């Protein structure tokens, strides 16, 4: 069966890996449409159709969706702390409008990118479990609002697929836990949280691409389907930090805090942001990402045929090597705000 697939955020982390996977499988019956702000930033091997524009423009959405029967919504604007208004204007509102437009155009399937941390630390092993709003993280609340909107509006004509992904790593890395943690480790002030014993569900971009494509072309699914998507192995936080320290000469934390104390410590660091000119050493959202998710791939394996291939060490090594080459200052906790739309960039919701 032929499909016309729109990939929003086609030049960003998730979108570019989705295009790579679509190129890799080389299915002749797939018509691929890359939706982005700047075609010059697309991966060089992509030879499909390009539709440039701004996802905040309803007319552009109509142009993007013309003739499409599947939408892979890989675009986002992300902040790990604050930026409530920006997250709503640049991510939540365009995403809700895109869902509405997809239903108007009778798109058959809409795939959304979410985070395995949406319902952590409680029922997060169940991808259908409702996300838990956190007052300290407005962007996560918007991620959850999109999930809820999809579930409320899913029907036979337009099915909704929600993918709760693990923590991004790999080439063309974007905003995420590693770019935040590594510069802060150098201060020697960052603690272990719960002795580093919780899982860190790292997933390489290539496995993300595989998961999104499989969700797009899988046979009949429920009107609303939800999956956790992580790598082939979920390491402990301590394993990851020890690996980074041993291979890239970063210091390890010198003390440990339980989660309740870590949240209080992070709250204090956030308050000090009003006094000092740099970003907080740690935020409650960063602590939240270290909570246990218990996410696994069993449901995705059974219904999508998803089998991740890239070990977390390879993903981490590739990302840090790229960071050392391209990142000359600490990454901000939000994507720099541009005058145009979010459609060209995909940032972490993890």
Protein backbone atom coordinates (compact mmCIF):
# COMPACT_ATOMS: atom_id res chain seq x y z
CA UNK A 1 0.00 0.00 0.00
CA UNK A 2 1.34 3.44 -0.94
CA UNK A 3 1.61 6.22 1.65
CA UNK A 4 2.29 9.93 1.56
CA UNK A 5 4.17 10.74 4.78
CA UNK A 6 4.77 14.23 6.15
CA UNK A 7 7.69 14.62 8.57
CA UNK A 8 7.52 17.89 10.51
CA UNK A 9 10.69 19.18 12.13
CA UNK A 10 12.56 17.45 9.33
CA UNK A 11 15.91 19.16 10.01
CA UNK A 12 15.88 18.52 13.76
CA UNK A 13 17.12 15.60 15.82
CA UNK A 14 14.12 13.29 15.58
CA UNK A 15 12.98 14.43 12.14
CA UNK A 16 16.38 14.01 10.51
CA UNK A 17 16.72 10.48 11.89
CA UNK A 18 13.23 9.65 10.62
CA UNK A 19 14.26 10.81 7.14
CA UNK A 20 17.42 8.70 7.40
CA UNK A 21 15.36 5.63 8.27
CA UNK A 22 12.91 6.28 5.44
CA UNK A 23 15.86 6.58 3.05
CA UNK A 24 17.37 3.41 4.45
CA UNK A 25 14.30 1.25 3.90
CA UNK A 26 13.91 2.79 0.42
CA UNK A 27 10.26 1.79 0.07
CA UNK A 28 9.16 2.71 -3.47
CA UNK A 29 5.54 3.15 -2.42
CA UNK A 30 6.34 5.87 0.14
CA UNK A 31 6.09 9.51 -0.88
CA UNK A 32 8.07 11.49 1.71
CA UNK A 33 7.40 15.16 2.41
CA UNK A 34 9.88 17.05 4.59
CA UNK A 35 8.29 20.00 6.40
CA UNK A 36 10.90 22.48 7.58
CA UNK A 37 11.91 26.12 7.70
CA UNK A 38 15.13 25.80 5.72
CA UNK A 39 15.71 23.04 3.17
CA UNK A 40 19.46 23.72 3.24
CA UNK A 41 19.59 22.06 6.68
CA UNK A 42 18.08 18.77 5.54
CA UNK A 43 20.31 15.69 5.52
CA UNK A 44 22.16 15.59 2.16
CA UNK A 45 20.84 12.18 1.16
CA UNK A 46 17.19 13.26 1.30
CA UNK A 47 15.78 13.58 -2.23
CA UNK A 48 12.05 13.72 -1.51
CA UNK A 49 9.60 16.60 -1.60
CA UNK A 50 10.25 19.64 0.61
CA UNK A 51 7.58 22.03 1.87
CA UNK A 52 9.10 25.03 3.61
CA UNK A 53 7.21 27.24 6.02
CA UNK A 54 6.16 28.13 9.55
CA UNK A 55 4.01 25.77 11.60
CA UNK A 56 2.41 28.72 13.32
CA UNK A 57 0.84 29.62 9.98
CA UNK A 58 -2.49 27.77 9.44
CA UNK A 59 -2.22 28.30 5.68
CA UNK A 60 1.16 26.58 5.69
CA UNK A 61 -0.35 23.65 7.58
CA UNK A 62 -2.92 23.27 4.82
CA UNK A 63 -0.14 23.22 2.24
CA UNK A 64 1.85 20.69 4.26
CA UNK A 65 -1.08 18.33 4.70
CA UNK A 66 -2.33 18.41 1.12
CA UNK A 67 -2.33 14.83 -0.14
CA UNK A 68 -0.84 13.39 3.06
CA UNK A 69 -2.26 10.33 4.78
CA UNK A 70 0.36 10.00 7.57
CA UNK A 71 1.91 12.73 9.71
CA UNK A 72 5.04 12.16 11.80
CA UNK A 73 5.01 15.21 14.07
CA UNK A 74 8.69 15.49 14.98
CA UNK A 75 8.80 19.26 15.47
CA UNK A 76 8.97 20.84 18.91
CA UNK A 77 10.30 23.76 20.84
CA UNK A 78 11.60 22.68 24.24
CA UNK A 79 12.60 24.19 27.54
CA UNK A 80 13.91 22.31 30.56
CA UNK A 81 13.03 25.17 32.88
CA UNK A 82 10.55 28.04 32.81
CA UNK A 83 9.49 29.60 29.48
CA UNK A 84 5.82 28.82 30.01
CA UNK A 85 4.54 31.36 27.49
CA UNK A 86 7.11 30.43 24.83
CA UNK A 87 6.39 26.72 25.16
CA UNK A 88 2.68 27.36 24.69
CA UNK A 89 3.12 29.65 21.69
CA UNK A 90 5.90 27.74 19.94
CA UNK A 91 4.95 24.15 20.74
CA UNK A 92 1.55 23.52 22.32
CA UNK A 93 -0.64 25.78 20.19
CA UNK A 94 0.89 24.79 16.81
CA UNK A 95 0.73 21.11 17.73
CA UNK A 96 -2.96 21.27 18.70
CA UNK A 97 -3.74 23.19 15.50
CA UNK A 98 -1.82 20.61 13.45
CA UNK A 99 -3.86 17.80 15.00
CA UNK A 100 -7.09 19.66 14.18
CA UNK A 101 -5.92 20.29 10.62
CA UNK A 102 -4.90 16.63 10.22
CA UNK A 103 -8.42 15.56 11.16
CA UNK A 104 -9.92 18.12 8.77
CA UNK A 105 -7.78 16.71 5.96
CA UNK A 106 -8.72 13.15 6.99
CA UNK A 107 -5.13 12.15 7.60
CA UNK A 108 -5.24 8.44 8.44
CA UNK A 109 -2.55 8.38 11.13
CA UNK A 110 -0.90 11.03 13.30
CA UNK A 111 2.30 10.11 15.17
CA UNK A 112 3.38 12.27 18.10
CA UNK A 113 6.71 12.44 19.93
CA UNK A 114 6.48 12.46 23.72
CA UNK A 115 8.68 11.39 26.63
CA UNK A 116 8.96 8.27 28.78
CA UNK A 117 9.12 10.65 31.76
CA UNK A 118 5.55 11.89 31.25
CA UNK A 119 4.11 9.63 33.97
CA UNK A 120 7.24 8.95 36.02
CA UNK A 121 8.04 7.75 38.55
CA UNK A 122 4.72 6.03 39.16
CA UNK A 123 2.90 4.27 36.31
CA UNK A 124 5.36 5.21 33.57
CA UNK A 125 5.94 1.58 32.57
CA UNK A 126 2.44 1.77 31.04
CA UNK A 127 2.52 4.05 27.98
CA UNK A 128 -1.25 4.53 28.28
CA UNK A 129 -1.00 5.86 31.83
CA UNK A 130 -2.00 9.54 32.05
CA UNK A 131 0.89 11.96 32.25
CA UNK A 132 1.45 13.67 35.59
CA UNK A 133 1.58 17.47 35.47
CA UNK A 134 4.52 19.10 37.27
CA UNK A 135 4.10 22.75 38.28
CA UNK A 136 7.85 23.28 38.09
CA UNK A 137 8.05 22.20 34.42
CA UNK A 138 5.58 24.02 32.13
CA UNK A 139 6.87 22.37 28.97
CA UNK A 140 6.27 18.85 30.28
CA UNK A 141 2.71 19.90 31.09
CA UNK A 142 2.27 20.95 27.46
CA UNK A 143 3.63 17.58 26.28
CA UNK A 144 0.99 15.91 28.45
CA UNK A 145 -1.73 18.26 27.18
CA UNK A 146 -0.98 17.16 23.61
CA UNK A 147 -1.15 13.49 24.62
CA UNK A 148 -4.54 14.08 26.26
CA UNK A 149 -5.85 15.97 23.24
CA UNK A 150 -4.84 13.15 20.93
CA UNK A 151 -6.54 10.55 23.09
CA UNK A 152 -9.74 12.61 23.30
CA UNK A 153 -9.90 13.14 19.53
CA UNK A 154 -8.71 9.80 18.18
CA UNK A 155 -11.21 8.03 15.95
CA UNK A 156 -11.41 5.57 13.12
CA UNK A 157 -10.76 8.14 10.39
CA UNK A 158 -7.66 9.62 12.05
CA UNK A 159 -5.87 7.29 14.42
CA UNK A 160 -3.38 8.74 16.91
CA UNK A 161 -0.10 7.11 17.90
CA UNK A 162 1.83 8.49 20.86
CA UNK A 163 5.48 7.51 21.27
CA UNK A 164 7.01 8.10 24.69
CA UNK A 165 10.70 8.12 23.88
CA UNK A 166 13.65 7.72 26.22
CA UNK A 167 16.44 10.27 26.61
CA UNK A 168 17.93 11.30 23.28
CA UNK A 169 21.57 10.65 22.41
CA UNK A 170 23.65 10.26 19.29
CA UNK A 171 24.67 12.36 16.31
CA UNK A 172 23.08 15.74 15.71
CA UNK A 173 22.25 15.82 19.41
CA UNK A 174 19.88 18.42 20.74
CA UNK A 175 18.71 19.70 24.10
CA UNK A 176 18.73 16.85 26.61
CA UNK A 177 20.03 15.44 29.83
CA UNK A 178 23.64 14.84 28.76
CA UNK A 179 24.32 18.34 27.36
CA UNK A 180 22.92 19.69 30.63
CA UNK A 181 24.71 17.38 33.05
CA UNK A 182 28.21 17.23 31.59
CA UNK A 183 29.23 20.91 31.96
CA UNK A 184 27.78 20.85 35.47
CA UNK A 185 29.81 17.81 36.46
CA UNK A 186 32.92 19.93 35.97
CA UNK A 187 31.85 22.18 38.84
CA UNK A 188 32.24 19.26 41.30
CA UNK A 189 28.99 20.48 42.90
CA UNK A 190 26.53 18.20 41.16
CA UNK A 191 25.41 15.32 43.42
CA UNK A 192 24.43 11.78 42.73
CA UNK A 193 20.67 11.46 43.11
CA UNK A 194 19.61 8.30 44.96
CA UNK A 195 23.21 7.11 44.59
CA UNK A 196 22.74 6.93 40.82
CA UNK A 197 20.74 3.71 41.09
CA UNK A 198 17.79 4.69 38.89
CA UNK A 199 17.54 3.79 35.22
CA UNK A 200 18.50 6.21 32.47
CA UNK A 201 16.53 5.18 29.33
CA UNK A 202 18.97 6.46 26.71
CA UNK A 203 17.99 5.94 23.08
CA UNK A 204 20.04 6.63 19.97
CA UNK A 205 18.58 8.75 17.18
CA UNK A 206 18.78 5.83 14.77
CA UNK A 207 16.55 3.69 16.96
CA UNK A 208 14.16 6.64 17.28
CA UNK A 209 14.00 6.83 13.49
CA UNK A 210 13.21 3.12 13.30
CA UNK A 211 10.45 3.42 15.91
CA UNK A 212 8.74 6.39 14.27
CA UNK A 213 8.79 4.81 10.81
CA UNK A 214 7.45 1.52 12.15
CA UNK A 215 4.65 3.41 13.91
CA UNK A 216 3.86 5.18 10.64
CA UNK A 217 3.55 2.10 8.43
CA UNK A 218 2.44 -0.58 10.93
CA UNK A 219 -0.79 -2.45 10.10
CA UNK A 220 -4.05 -1.53 11.77
CA UNK A 221 -3.67 -0.09 15.28
CA UNK A 222 -6.20 1.07 17.83
CA UNK A 223 -7.67 4.55 17.26
CA UNK A 224 -5.35 5.67 20.06
CA UNK A 225 -2.16 3.66 20.50
CA UNK A 226 0.67 4.47 22.88
CA UNK A 227 4.15 2.96 23.19
CA UNK A 228 7.23 3.38 25.32
CA UNK A 229 10.33 3.47 23.11
CA UNK A 230 13.79 3.01 24.65
CA UNK A 231 17.13 1.51 23.67
CA UNK A 232 18.09 -2.18 23.83
CA UNK A 233 19.37 -1.80 27.40
CA UNK A 234 18.49 0.69 30.15
CA UNK A 235 21.61 1.42 32.23
CA UNK A 236 21.76 2.86 35.72
CA UNK A 237 22.66 6.54 36.04
CA UNK A 238 25.84 5.52 37.87
CA UNK A 239 26.88 3.27 34.97
CA UNK A 240 26.49 6.13 32.50
CA UNK A 241 28.37 8.68 34.60
CA UNK A 242 31.16 6.19 35.34
CA UNK A 243 31.46 5.40 31.63
CA UNK A 244 31.69 9.10 30.78
CA UNK A 245 34.22 9.74 33.54
CA UNK A 246 36.42 6.84 32.49
CA UNK A 247 36.35 7.66 28.76
CA UNK A 248 36.11 11.44 28.65
CA UNK A 249 37.79 12.55 31.88
CA UNK A 250 34.78 14.11 33.58
CA UNK A 251 34.69 14.19 37.40
CA UNK A 252 32.21 11.99 39.21
CA UNK A 253 29.82 13.40 41.84
CA UNK A 254 31.33 13.46 45.33
CA UNK A 255 28.15 13.09 47.39
CA UNK A 256 24.62 11.79 47.07
CA UNK A 257 21.15 13.10 47.88
CA UNK A 258 17.83 11.26 48.06
CA UNK A 259 15.21 12.46 45.62
CA UNK A 260 13.28 14.57 48.11
CA UNK A 261 16.47 16.42 49.09
CA UNK A 262 17.56 16.73 45.46
CA UNK A 263 14.28 18.44 44.58
CA UNK A 264 14.74 20.89 47.45
CA UNK A 265 18.35 21.53 46.42
CA UNK A 266 17.24 22.14 42.82
CA UNK A 267 14.49 24.51 44.03
CA UNK A 268 17.13 26.53 45.87
CA UNK A 269 19.33 26.64 42.76
CA UNK A 270 16.37 27.93 40.75
CA UNK A 271 15.75 30.69 43.30
CA UNK A 272 19.40 31.74 43.16
CA UNK A 273 19.02 32.28 39.41
CA UNK A 274 17.45 35.66 40.20
CA UNK A 275 20.66 36.70 41.93
CA UNK A 276 23.40 35.19 39.75
CA UNK A 277 23.81 35.76 36.00
CA UNK A 278 24.23 32.11 35.00
CA UNK A 279 21.64 29.34 34.69
CA UNK A 280 20.89 27.13 37.70
CA UNK A 281 23.35 24.38 38.57
CA UNK A 282 20.43 21.96 38.63
CA UNK A 283 16.67 22.28 38.21
CA UNK A 284 13.76 20.19 39.36
CA UNK A 285 13.13 19.14 35.76
CA UNK A 286 16.65 17.68 35.60
CA UNK A 287 16.00 15.76 38.82
CA UNK A 288 12.71 14.56 37.36
CA UNK A 289 14.53 13.08 34.35
CA UNK A 290 16.53 10.93 36.77
CA UNK A 291 13.39 9.36 38.25
CA UNK A 292 12.73 5.73 37.42
CA UNK A 293 10.47 5.13 34.42
CA UNK A 294 10.58 1.31 34.15
CA UNK A 295 9.90 1.80 30.44
CA UNK A 296 10.41 -1.19 28.16
CA UNK A 297 9.89 -2.02 24.49
CA UNK A 298 7.69 -5.10 24.81
CA UNK A 299 4.48 -3.53 23.49
CA UNK A 300 6.36 -1.82 20.64
CA UNK A 301 8.10 -5.08 19.78
CA UNK A 302 4.83 -6.99 19.60
CA UNK A 303 2.73 -4.46 17.66
CA UNK A 304 5.30 -2.45 15.70
CA UNK A 305 8.12 -4.94 15.27
CA UNK A 306 10.46 -2.43 16.92
CA UNK A 307 13.82 -3.96 17.91
CA UNK A 308 16.41 -1.36 18.98
CA UNK A 309 19.97 -1.96 17.87
CA UNK A 310 22.24 0.81 19.21
CA UNK A 311 23.82 0.27 22.63
CA UNK A 312 23.69 3.23 24.98
CA UNK A 313 27.52 3.38 25.17
CA UNK A 314 27.77 3.87 21.41
CA UNK A 315 25.09 6.59 21.49
CA UNK A 316 26.73 8.40 24.42
CA UNK A 317 30.20 8.15 22.92
CA UNK A 318 29.03 9.53 19.61
CA UNK A 319 27.19 12.41 21.24
CA UNK A 320 30.01 13.48 23.54
CA UNK A 321 32.52 13.30 20.71
CA UNK A 322 30.25 15.62 18.71
CA UNK A 323 29.80 17.91 21.73
CA UNK A 324 33.56 18.26 22.15
CA UNK A 325 33.85 19.16 18.48
CA UNK A 326 30.93 21.58 18.15
CA UNK A 327 29.85 22.86 21.56
CA UNK A 328 32.08 25.62 22.91
CA UNK A 329 29.87 26.85 25.76
CA UNK A 330 27.20 25.38 28.01
CA UNK A 331 23.94 24.70 26.22
CA UNK A 332 20.99 26.78 27.40
CA UNK A 333 18.00 25.05 28.98
CA UNK A 334 15.78 26.16 26.12
CA UNK A 335 16.12 26.40 22.39
CA UNK A 336 17.08 29.92 21.30
CA UNK A 337 13.91 31.70 20.26
CA UNK A 338 13.77 32.66 16.60
CA UNK A 339 11.47 35.05 14.82
CA UNK A 340 9.96 32.22 12.82
CA UNK A 341 8.43 28.88 13.67
CA UNK A 342 9.44 25.72 15.39
CA UNK A 343 9.08 23.54 12.32
CA UNK A 344 12.77 23.23 11.56
CA UNK A 345 13.94 22.15 14.97
CA UNK A 346 13.24 19.14 17.15
CA UNK A 347 14.40 19.38 20.72
CA UNK A 348 14.13 16.96 23.70
CA UNK A 349 10.86 16.55 25.54
CA UNK A 350 12.64 14.02 27.76
